[in-house]
N, C-alpha and C. Protein backbone atom coordinates (compact mmCIF):
# COMPACT_ATOMS: atom_id res chain seq x y z
N MET A 1 77.23 252.20 147.46
CA MET A 1 76.85 253.43 148.15
C MET A 1 78.09 254.30 148.27
N ILE A 2 77.98 255.54 147.78
CA ILE A 2 79.09 256.48 147.83
C ILE A 2 78.91 257.37 149.05
N LYS A 3 79.93 257.45 149.88
CA LYS A 3 79.86 258.28 151.08
C LYS A 3 80.45 259.66 150.76
N ILE A 4 79.66 260.70 151.05
CA ILE A 4 80.15 262.06 150.81
C ILE A 4 79.97 262.90 152.07
N LYS A 5 80.81 263.94 152.17
CA LYS A 5 80.76 264.85 153.32
C LYS A 5 80.46 266.25 152.84
N THR A 6 79.85 267.01 153.72
CA THR A 6 79.62 268.42 153.46
C THR A 6 80.65 269.23 154.23
N PRO A 7 80.97 270.44 153.75
CA PRO A 7 80.51 271.03 152.51
C PRO A 7 81.08 270.30 151.30
N LEU A 8 80.41 270.45 150.17
CA LEU A 8 80.84 269.77 148.94
C LEU A 8 82.01 270.50 148.30
N ASP A 9 82.93 269.72 147.74
CA ASP A 9 84.05 270.32 147.00
C ASP A 9 83.93 269.92 145.53
N GLU A 10 84.68 270.62 144.69
CA GLU A 10 84.58 270.39 143.24
C GLU A 10 84.92 268.96 142.85
N LYS A 11 85.90 268.36 143.50
CA LYS A 11 86.31 267.00 143.16
C LYS A 11 85.17 266.01 143.44
N THR A 12 84.54 266.15 144.60
CA THR A 12 83.43 265.27 144.95
C THR A 12 82.28 265.44 143.96
N ILE A 13 81.92 266.69 143.68
CA ILE A 13 80.81 266.96 142.76
C ILE A 13 81.09 266.35 141.39
N ALA A 14 82.30 266.56 140.88
CA ALA A 14 82.66 266.05 139.56
C ALA A 14 82.64 264.53 139.49
N SER A 15 82.88 263.87 140.62
CA SER A 15 82.93 262.40 140.63
C SER A 15 81.55 261.76 140.65
N LEU A 16 80.52 262.51 140.99
CA LEU A 16 79.17 261.95 141.12
C LEU A 16 78.49 261.86 139.77
N LYS A 17 77.81 260.76 139.54
CA LYS A 17 77.09 260.51 138.28
C LYS A 17 75.61 260.27 138.58
N THR A 18 74.78 260.71 137.68
CA THR A 18 73.34 260.52 137.82
C THR A 18 73.04 259.05 138.07
N GLY A 19 72.21 258.81 139.07
CA GLY A 19 71.84 257.44 139.44
C GLY A 19 72.69 256.88 140.58
N ASP A 20 73.80 257.54 140.92
CA ASP A 20 74.61 257.08 142.05
C ASP A 20 73.81 257.17 143.34
N PHE A 21 73.91 256.13 144.16
CA PHE A 21 73.33 256.15 145.50
C PHE A 21 74.40 256.71 146.43
N VAL A 22 74.01 257.68 147.27
CA VAL A 22 74.96 258.31 148.17
C VAL A 22 74.45 258.28 149.60
N GLU A 23 75.42 258.38 150.52
CA GLU A 23 75.13 258.63 151.93
C GLU A 23 75.79 259.96 152.24
N ILE A 24 75.01 260.94 152.64
CA ILE A 24 75.53 262.27 152.92
C ILE A 24 75.75 262.41 154.42
N ASN A 25 76.92 262.96 154.76
CA ASN A 25 77.31 263.16 156.15
C ASN A 25 77.74 264.60 156.36
N GLY A 26 77.35 265.19 157.49
CA GLY A 26 77.77 266.54 157.82
C GLY A 26 76.59 267.46 158.04
N ILE A 27 76.79 268.73 157.72
CA ILE A 27 75.77 269.75 157.93
C ILE A 27 75.12 270.09 156.60
N ILE A 28 73.79 270.12 156.61
CA ILE A 28 73.01 270.63 155.47
C ILE A 28 72.06 271.68 156.06
N TYR A 29 71.40 272.41 155.17
CA TYR A 29 70.48 273.45 155.62
C TYR A 29 69.10 273.20 155.05
N GLY A 30 68.10 273.20 155.91
CA GLY A 30 66.73 273.01 155.49
C GLY A 30 66.09 274.35 155.17
N ALA A 31 65.47 274.45 154.00
CA ALA A 31 64.79 275.68 153.59
C ALA A 31 63.77 275.37 152.51
N ARG A 32 62.64 276.03 152.60
CA ARG A 32 61.58 275.87 151.60
C ARG A 32 61.25 277.19 150.93
N ASP A 33 60.10 277.27 150.30
CA ASP A 33 59.69 278.41 149.48
C ASP A 33 59.85 279.77 150.15
N ALA A 34 59.25 279.94 151.32
CA ALA A 34 59.25 281.25 151.98
C ALA A 34 60.67 281.69 152.32
N ALA A 35 61.50 280.78 152.77
CA ALA A 35 62.90 281.11 153.09
C ALA A 35 63.67 281.46 151.82
N HIS A 36 63.42 280.74 150.74
CA HIS A 36 64.09 281.05 149.48
C HIS A 36 63.73 282.46 148.98
N LYS A 37 62.48 282.84 149.13
CA LYS A 37 62.08 284.19 148.75
C LYS A 37 62.86 285.21 149.58
N LYS A 38 62.99 284.95 150.87
CA LYS A 38 63.76 285.87 151.73
C LYS A 38 65.23 285.91 151.32
N PHE A 39 65.80 284.76 150.95
CA PHE A 39 67.19 284.75 150.48
C PHE A 39 67.37 285.73 149.31
N ILE A 40 66.48 285.64 148.34
CA ILE A 40 66.60 286.48 147.14
C ILE A 40 66.41 287.95 147.51
N ASP A 41 65.46 288.24 148.39
CA ASP A 41 65.27 289.63 148.83
C ASP A 41 66.53 290.15 149.52
N ILE A 42 67.16 289.35 150.34
CA ILE A 42 68.40 289.75 151.01
C ILE A 42 69.49 290.03 149.98
N LEU A 43 69.65 289.14 149.02
CA LEU A 43 70.69 289.31 148.01
C LEU A 43 70.42 290.54 147.15
N LYS A 44 69.16 290.81 146.79
CA LYS A 44 68.82 292.00 146.00
C LYS A 44 69.18 293.28 146.75
N ASN A 45 69.08 293.23 148.08
CA ASN A 45 69.39 294.39 148.91
C ASN A 45 70.83 294.40 149.40
N LYS A 46 71.67 293.56 148.78
CA LYS A 46 73.11 293.49 149.10
C LYS A 46 73.37 293.10 150.55
N GLY A 47 72.45 292.32 151.13
CA GLY A 47 72.61 291.87 152.50
C GLY A 47 73.39 290.57 152.59
N THR A 48 73.48 290.05 153.78
CA THR A 48 74.20 288.81 154.05
C THR A 48 73.20 287.71 154.39
N LEU A 49 73.34 286.58 153.75
CA LEU A 49 72.47 285.44 154.04
C LEU A 49 72.74 284.93 155.46
N PRO A 50 71.77 284.22 156.06
CA PRO A 50 71.93 283.73 157.44
C PRO A 50 73.03 282.67 157.61
N PHE A 51 73.52 282.11 156.52
CA PHE A 51 74.66 281.18 156.56
C PHE A 51 75.40 281.31 155.24
N ASP A 52 76.66 280.95 155.25
CA ASP A 52 77.48 281.01 154.04
C ASP A 52 77.10 279.84 153.15
N ILE A 53 76.47 280.11 152.00
CA ILE A 53 75.97 279.02 151.16
C ILE A 53 77.05 278.38 150.30
N ARG A 54 78.23 278.96 150.26
CA ARG A 54 79.28 278.41 149.39
C ARG A 54 79.62 276.97 149.80
N GLY A 55 79.46 276.07 148.83
CA GLY A 55 79.78 274.66 149.05
C GLY A 55 78.70 273.87 149.78
N GLN A 56 77.61 274.51 150.14
CA GLN A 56 76.60 273.88 150.98
C GLN A 56 75.51 273.18 150.18
N ILE A 57 74.74 272.38 150.92
CA ILE A 57 73.55 271.69 150.39
C ILE A 57 72.33 272.26 151.10
N ILE A 58 71.32 272.60 150.33
CA ILE A 58 70.02 272.96 150.90
C ILE A 58 69.07 271.80 150.66
N TYR A 59 68.42 271.38 151.75
CA TYR A 59 67.41 270.33 151.70
C TYR A 59 66.05 271.01 151.70
N TYR A 60 65.23 270.71 150.72
CA TYR A 60 63.90 271.29 150.62
C TYR A 60 62.98 270.54 151.57
N VAL A 61 62.93 271.02 152.80
CA VAL A 61 62.23 270.31 153.87
C VAL A 61 61.59 271.31 154.82
N GLY A 62 60.45 270.94 155.36
CA GLY A 62 59.78 271.66 156.43
C GLY A 62 59.39 270.64 157.47
N PRO A 63 60.31 270.33 158.38
CA PRO A 63 60.06 269.22 159.31
C PRO A 63 58.89 269.47 160.26
N THR A 64 58.29 268.37 160.69
CA THR A 64 57.25 268.46 161.71
C THR A 64 57.94 268.54 163.07
N PRO A 65 57.20 268.99 164.09
CA PRO A 65 57.81 269.07 165.43
C PRO A 65 58.33 267.70 165.88
N ALA A 66 59.40 267.75 166.65
CA ALA A 66 60.01 266.50 167.15
C ALA A 66 59.15 265.91 168.26
N PRO A 67 58.82 264.63 168.15
CA PRO A 67 58.13 263.97 169.26
C PRO A 67 59.09 263.86 170.45
N PRO A 68 58.57 263.67 171.65
CA PRO A 68 59.44 263.53 172.82
C PRO A 68 60.51 262.45 172.60
N GLY A 69 61.75 262.81 172.90
CA GLY A 69 62.86 261.86 172.77
C GLY A 69 63.48 261.82 171.38
N PHE A 70 62.98 262.61 170.45
CA PHE A 70 63.51 262.61 169.08
C PHE A 70 64.13 263.97 168.76
N VAL A 71 65.06 263.95 167.81
CA VAL A 71 65.75 265.16 167.38
C VAL A 71 64.86 266.00 166.46
N ILE A 72 64.06 265.33 165.65
CA ILE A 72 63.26 265.98 164.61
C ILE A 72 62.03 265.11 164.36
N GLY A 73 60.99 265.72 163.84
CA GLY A 73 59.82 264.95 163.42
C GLY A 73 60.03 264.45 162.01
N SER A 74 58.95 264.15 161.36
CA SER A 74 59.02 263.71 159.97
C SER A 74 59.70 264.79 159.13
N CYS A 75 60.60 264.36 158.25
CA CYS A 75 61.38 265.35 157.49
C CYS A 75 61.62 264.87 156.06
N GLY A 76 60.54 264.65 155.36
CA GLY A 76 60.64 264.24 153.97
C GLY A 76 60.80 265.44 153.04
N PRO A 77 61.24 265.18 151.82
CA PRO A 77 61.49 266.26 150.87
C PRO A 77 60.20 266.86 150.33
N THR A 78 60.28 268.14 149.99
CA THR A 78 59.17 268.79 149.30
C THR A 78 59.52 268.88 147.81
N THR A 79 58.55 269.23 147.01
CA THR A 79 58.73 269.29 145.56
C THR A 79 59.72 270.39 145.18
N SER A 80 60.80 269.99 144.54
CA SER A 80 61.91 270.89 144.24
C SER A 80 61.56 271.99 143.25
N SER A 81 60.70 271.72 142.31
CA SER A 81 60.41 272.70 141.27
C SER A 81 59.85 274.00 141.84
N ARG A 82 59.29 273.94 143.05
CA ARG A 82 58.77 275.17 143.67
C ARG A 82 59.90 276.14 144.01
N MET A 83 61.13 275.65 144.11
CA MET A 83 62.27 276.51 144.42
C MET A 83 63.01 276.97 143.16
N ASP A 84 62.59 276.48 141.99
CA ASP A 84 63.33 276.75 140.75
C ASP A 84 63.50 278.23 140.46
N LYS A 85 62.50 279.05 140.76
CA LYS A 85 62.62 280.48 140.44
C LYS A 85 63.67 281.18 141.31
N TYR A 86 64.14 280.54 142.37
CA TYR A 86 65.17 281.11 143.24
C TYR A 86 66.54 280.44 143.08
N THR A 87 66.54 279.24 142.56
CA THR A 87 67.73 278.39 142.60
C THR A 87 68.90 278.91 141.78
N VAL A 88 68.65 279.43 140.60
CA VAL A 88 69.75 279.88 139.74
C VAL A 88 70.58 280.94 140.46
N LYS A 89 69.93 281.89 141.12
CA LYS A 89 70.64 282.96 141.85
C LYS A 89 71.45 282.37 143.00
N LEU A 90 70.92 281.40 143.71
CA LEU A 90 71.66 280.79 144.82
C LEU A 90 72.86 280.00 144.32
N LEU A 91 72.71 279.32 143.19
CA LEU A 91 73.86 278.62 142.60
C LEU A 91 74.94 279.62 142.20
N GLU A 92 74.52 280.75 141.67
CA GLU A 92 75.47 281.81 141.30
C GLU A 92 76.28 282.27 142.53
N TYR A 93 75.65 282.28 143.69
CA TYR A 93 76.32 282.71 144.93
C TYR A 93 77.10 281.59 145.62
N GLY A 94 77.13 280.40 145.03
CA GLY A 94 77.99 279.34 145.56
C GLY A 94 77.33 278.11 146.12
N LEU A 95 75.99 278.05 146.13
CA LEU A 95 75.31 276.83 146.55
C LEU A 95 75.79 275.69 145.65
N LYS A 96 76.10 274.52 146.23
CA LYS A 96 76.62 273.41 145.43
C LYS A 96 75.74 272.18 145.39
N GLY A 97 74.74 272.12 146.26
CA GLY A 97 73.87 270.94 146.24
C GLY A 97 72.48 271.25 146.75
N MET A 98 71.53 270.46 146.27
CA MET A 98 70.15 270.56 146.69
C MET A 98 69.62 269.15 146.86
N ILE A 99 68.74 268.98 147.84
CA ILE A 99 68.07 267.69 148.05
C ILE A 99 66.57 267.96 148.00
N GLY A 100 65.86 267.17 147.22
CA GLY A 100 64.42 267.31 147.14
C GLY A 100 63.81 266.13 146.44
N LYS A 101 62.72 266.39 145.75
CA LYS A 101 62.09 265.34 144.94
C LYS A 101 61.53 265.98 143.69
N GLY A 102 61.55 265.23 142.61
CA GLY A 102 60.92 265.66 141.38
C GLY A 102 61.81 266.41 140.42
N PHE A 103 61.18 266.80 139.32
CA PHE A 103 61.85 267.45 138.20
C PHE A 103 62.44 268.79 138.58
N ARG A 104 63.42 269.25 137.78
CA ARG A 104 63.95 270.62 137.85
C ARG A 104 63.78 271.26 136.49
N SER A 105 63.71 272.58 136.47
CA SER A 105 63.51 273.31 135.22
C SER A 105 64.77 273.28 134.35
N ARG A 106 64.58 273.61 133.10
CA ARG A 106 65.71 273.71 132.16
C ARG A 106 66.73 274.74 132.65
N ASP A 107 66.26 275.88 133.19
CA ASP A 107 67.17 276.91 133.69
C ASP A 107 68.01 276.40 134.86
N VAL A 108 67.39 275.65 135.75
CA VAL A 108 68.14 275.10 136.89
C VAL A 108 69.17 274.09 136.39
N LYS A 109 68.79 273.25 135.44
CA LYS A 109 69.76 272.28 134.89
C LYS A 109 70.95 272.99 134.26
N LYS A 110 70.68 274.05 133.50
CA LYS A 110 71.78 274.81 132.89
C LYS A 110 72.68 275.42 133.97
N ALA A 111 72.08 275.94 135.04
CA ALA A 111 72.86 276.54 136.12
C ALA A 111 73.67 275.49 136.89
N ILE A 112 73.12 274.29 137.04
CA ILE A 112 73.87 273.20 137.69
C ILE A 112 75.16 272.94 136.91
N ILE A 113 75.06 272.92 135.59
CA ILE A 113 76.25 272.72 134.74
C ILE A 113 77.19 273.91 134.87
N LYS A 114 76.65 275.10 134.70
CA LYS A 114 77.47 276.33 134.71
C LYS A 114 78.24 276.51 136.01
N TYR A 115 77.59 276.23 137.15
CA TYR A 115 78.21 276.49 138.44
C TYR A 115 78.78 275.24 139.11
N GLY A 116 78.74 274.10 138.42
CA GLY A 116 79.33 272.88 138.97
C GLY A 116 78.66 272.41 140.24
N ALA A 117 77.36 272.17 140.16
CA ALA A 117 76.59 271.75 141.33
C ALA A 117 75.98 270.37 141.09
N VAL A 118 75.17 269.92 142.03
CA VAL A 118 74.54 268.61 141.93
C VAL A 118 73.17 268.67 142.62
N TYR A 119 72.21 267.94 142.05
CA TYR A 119 70.87 267.83 142.63
C TYR A 119 70.66 266.39 143.06
N PHE A 120 70.33 266.24 144.33
CA PHE A 120 70.04 264.92 144.89
C PHE A 120 68.54 264.77 145.07
N VAL A 121 68.05 263.57 144.88
CA VAL A 121 66.67 263.26 145.20
C VAL A 121 66.68 262.26 146.34
N THR A 122 65.66 262.36 147.17
CA THR A 122 65.50 261.38 148.24
C THR A 122 64.05 260.94 148.27
N TYR A 123 63.76 260.05 149.15
CA TYR A 123 62.52 259.30 149.13
C TYR A 123 61.33 260.09 149.65
N GLY A 124 60.42 260.47 148.73
CA GLY A 124 59.19 261.14 149.11
C GLY A 124 58.28 260.17 149.86
N GLY A 125 57.52 260.68 150.80
CA GLY A 125 56.60 259.85 151.56
C GLY A 125 57.26 259.05 152.66
N CYS A 126 58.55 259.30 152.91
CA CYS A 126 59.30 258.54 153.91
C CYS A 126 59.92 259.45 154.96
N GLY A 127 59.22 260.53 155.31
CA GLY A 127 59.76 261.50 156.25
C GLY A 127 60.13 260.92 157.60
N ALA A 128 59.30 260.01 158.11
CA ALA A 128 59.62 259.39 159.41
C ALA A 128 60.89 258.55 159.30
N TYR A 129 61.03 257.83 158.20
CA TYR A 129 62.24 257.04 157.95
C TYR A 129 63.47 257.94 157.87
N LEU A 130 63.36 259.02 157.11
CA LEU A 130 64.51 259.91 156.91
C LEU A 130 64.94 260.60 158.21
N SER A 131 64.02 260.76 159.14
CA SER A 131 64.35 261.45 160.40
C SER A 131 65.42 260.70 161.21
N GLN A 132 65.55 259.40 161.00
CA GLN A 132 66.54 258.64 161.77
C GLN A 132 67.98 258.99 161.40
N PHE A 133 68.18 259.68 160.27
CA PHE A 133 69.52 260.05 159.84
C PHE A 133 69.92 261.45 160.31
N VAL A 134 68.99 262.11 161.01
CA VAL A 134 69.24 263.45 161.55
C VAL A 134 69.75 263.31 162.97
N LYS A 135 70.93 263.86 163.23
CA LYS A 135 71.55 263.76 164.55
C LYS A 135 71.36 265.02 165.39
N LYS A 136 71.15 266.16 164.70
CA LYS A 136 70.94 267.42 165.39
C LYS A 136 70.20 268.35 164.44
N CYS A 137 69.34 269.20 164.98
CA CYS A 137 68.56 270.11 164.15
C CYS A 137 68.25 271.37 164.96
N ASP A 138 68.61 272.53 164.40
CA ASP A 138 68.34 273.80 165.07
C ASP A 138 67.84 274.82 164.06
N ILE A 139 66.89 275.64 164.48
CA ILE A 139 66.47 276.77 163.66
C ILE A 139 67.54 277.84 163.79
N ILE A 140 68.04 278.34 162.63
CA ILE A 140 69.07 279.37 162.67
C ILE A 140 68.61 280.71 162.10
N ALA A 141 67.47 280.75 161.45
CA ALA A 141 66.96 282.01 160.91
C ALA A 141 65.48 281.90 160.58
N PHE A 142 64.81 283.02 160.59
CA PHE A 142 63.40 283.16 160.21
C PHE A 142 62.46 282.26 161.02
N PRO A 143 62.59 282.25 162.34
CA PRO A 143 61.71 281.37 163.14
C PRO A 143 60.23 281.70 162.95
N GLU A 144 59.94 282.93 162.54
CA GLU A 144 58.55 283.33 162.32
C GLU A 144 57.90 282.54 161.19
N LEU A 145 58.71 281.87 160.37
CA LEU A 145 58.17 281.08 159.27
C LEU A 145 57.74 279.67 159.69
N GLY A 146 57.87 279.36 160.97
CA GLY A 146 57.47 278.04 161.46
C GLY A 146 58.26 276.94 160.77
N PRO A 147 57.57 275.94 160.19
CA PRO A 147 58.30 274.84 159.56
C PRO A 147 59.09 275.26 158.32
N GLU A 148 58.85 276.49 157.82
CA GLU A 148 59.62 276.98 156.68
C GLU A 148 60.81 277.84 157.11
N ALA A 149 61.13 277.82 158.38
CA ALA A 149 62.32 278.51 158.89
C ALA A 149 63.57 277.88 158.28
N ILE A 150 64.72 278.47 158.55
CA ILE A 150 65.99 277.89 158.10
C ILE A 150 66.50 276.98 159.22
N TYR A 151 66.79 275.75 158.87
CA TYR A 151 67.30 274.76 159.81
C TYR A 151 68.74 274.41 159.49
N LYS A 152 69.57 274.32 160.51
CA LYS A 152 70.90 273.74 160.38
C LYS A 152 70.74 272.30 160.86
N ILE A 153 71.01 271.37 159.95
CA ILE A 153 70.71 269.95 160.21
C ILE A 153 71.99 269.13 160.09
N GLU A 154 72.33 268.44 161.16
CA GLU A 154 73.47 267.53 161.12
C GLU A 154 72.96 266.14 160.77
N ILE A 155 73.50 265.57 159.69
CA ILE A 155 73.03 264.27 159.22
C ILE A 155 74.18 263.26 159.19
N GLU A 156 73.79 262.00 159.26
CA GLU A 156 74.75 260.90 159.18
C GLU A 156 74.14 259.80 158.33
N LYS A 157 74.84 259.44 157.25
CA LYS A 157 74.41 258.38 156.34
C LYS A 157 73.04 258.66 155.72
N PHE A 158 72.77 259.93 155.44
CA PHE A 158 71.49 260.33 154.86
C PHE A 158 71.41 259.80 153.43
N PRO A 159 70.39 259.00 153.11
CA PRO A 159 70.32 258.36 151.79
C PRO A 159 69.74 259.28 150.70
N ALA A 160 70.42 259.31 149.57
CA ALA A 160 69.93 260.09 148.44
C ALA A 160 70.47 259.47 147.15
N ILE A 161 69.94 259.94 146.04
CA ILE A 161 70.35 259.50 144.71
C ILE A 161 70.71 260.76 143.92
N VAL A 162 71.77 260.69 143.13
CA VAL A 162 72.12 261.82 142.29
C VAL A 162 71.05 261.92 141.20
N GLY A 163 70.29 263.01 141.24
CA GLY A 163 69.21 263.22 140.27
C GLY A 163 69.67 263.97 139.03
N ILE A 164 70.55 264.96 139.23
CA ILE A 164 71.18 265.67 138.12
C ILE A 164 72.63 265.88 138.50
N ASP A 165 73.53 265.34 137.67
CA ASP A 165 74.95 265.51 137.98
C ASP A 165 75.48 266.82 137.39
N SER A 166 76.73 267.12 137.67
CA SER A 166 77.32 268.40 137.26
C SER A 166 77.48 268.54 135.75
N LYS A 167 77.28 267.46 135.02
CA LYS A 167 77.31 267.51 133.55
C LYS A 167 75.91 267.72 132.97
N GLY A 168 74.89 267.71 133.86
CA GLY A 168 73.53 267.96 133.43
C GLY A 168 72.71 266.73 133.11
N LYS A 169 73.29 265.55 133.29
CA LYS A 169 72.52 264.33 133.05
C LYS A 169 71.43 264.22 134.12
N ASP A 170 70.21 264.04 133.66
CA ASP A 170 69.02 264.12 134.50
C ASP A 170 68.36 262.75 134.63
N ILE A 171 68.16 262.31 135.85
CA ILE A 171 67.53 261.00 136.10
C ILE A 171 66.10 260.98 135.55
N TYR A 172 65.49 262.15 135.42
CA TYR A 172 64.12 262.24 134.92
C TYR A 172 64.06 262.43 133.40
N ALA A 173 65.18 262.45 132.73
CA ALA A 173 65.19 262.68 131.27
C ALA A 173 64.31 261.65 130.58
N GLY A 174 63.44 262.12 129.73
CA GLY A 174 62.56 261.23 128.99
C GLY A 174 61.28 260.86 129.71
N VAL A 175 61.22 261.14 131.01
CA VAL A 175 60.01 260.85 131.77
C VAL A 175 59.00 261.95 131.50
N LEU A 176 57.85 261.59 130.98
CA LEU A 176 56.77 262.54 130.69
C LEU A 176 57.20 263.64 129.72
N SER A 177 58.19 263.39 128.90
CA SER A 177 58.58 264.46 127.96
C SER A 177 58.32 264.05 126.53
């Protein structure tokens, strides 16, 4: 198990290989489809994103409400390909990591190589399990989007697997192709 901290740096990203099991520690940002659309609209209008994405990881998650005594509810990954039409632009602006599940498009894979980023996959269907690695969670933007708001999430020992490394090697290569 490789332990990594956020924000991600070039040395850490370059050292990760597809199939590596990692424990992620630090701050990540939760965002799904609706928030990604808003990100692109902000960038098109020369605005400022709600957080500095340089070196950061976005987790494709829309958590459920926290039960009493818990930091967060179920927080499993959503299907990453739904964010593909927004991802290349965010990588261009400095995003360095994404956490989700499933395949990524050819354009996203090319952008991961070009911008030196990494795609992590985590366990679908295990949202309640994954919630135990969340130490703090706050909505920081777009609260009107409900579970698709932007979350600042502090994690400790969050389990993931390198799905696409910075060289473009894809854990899904050959699957259904």
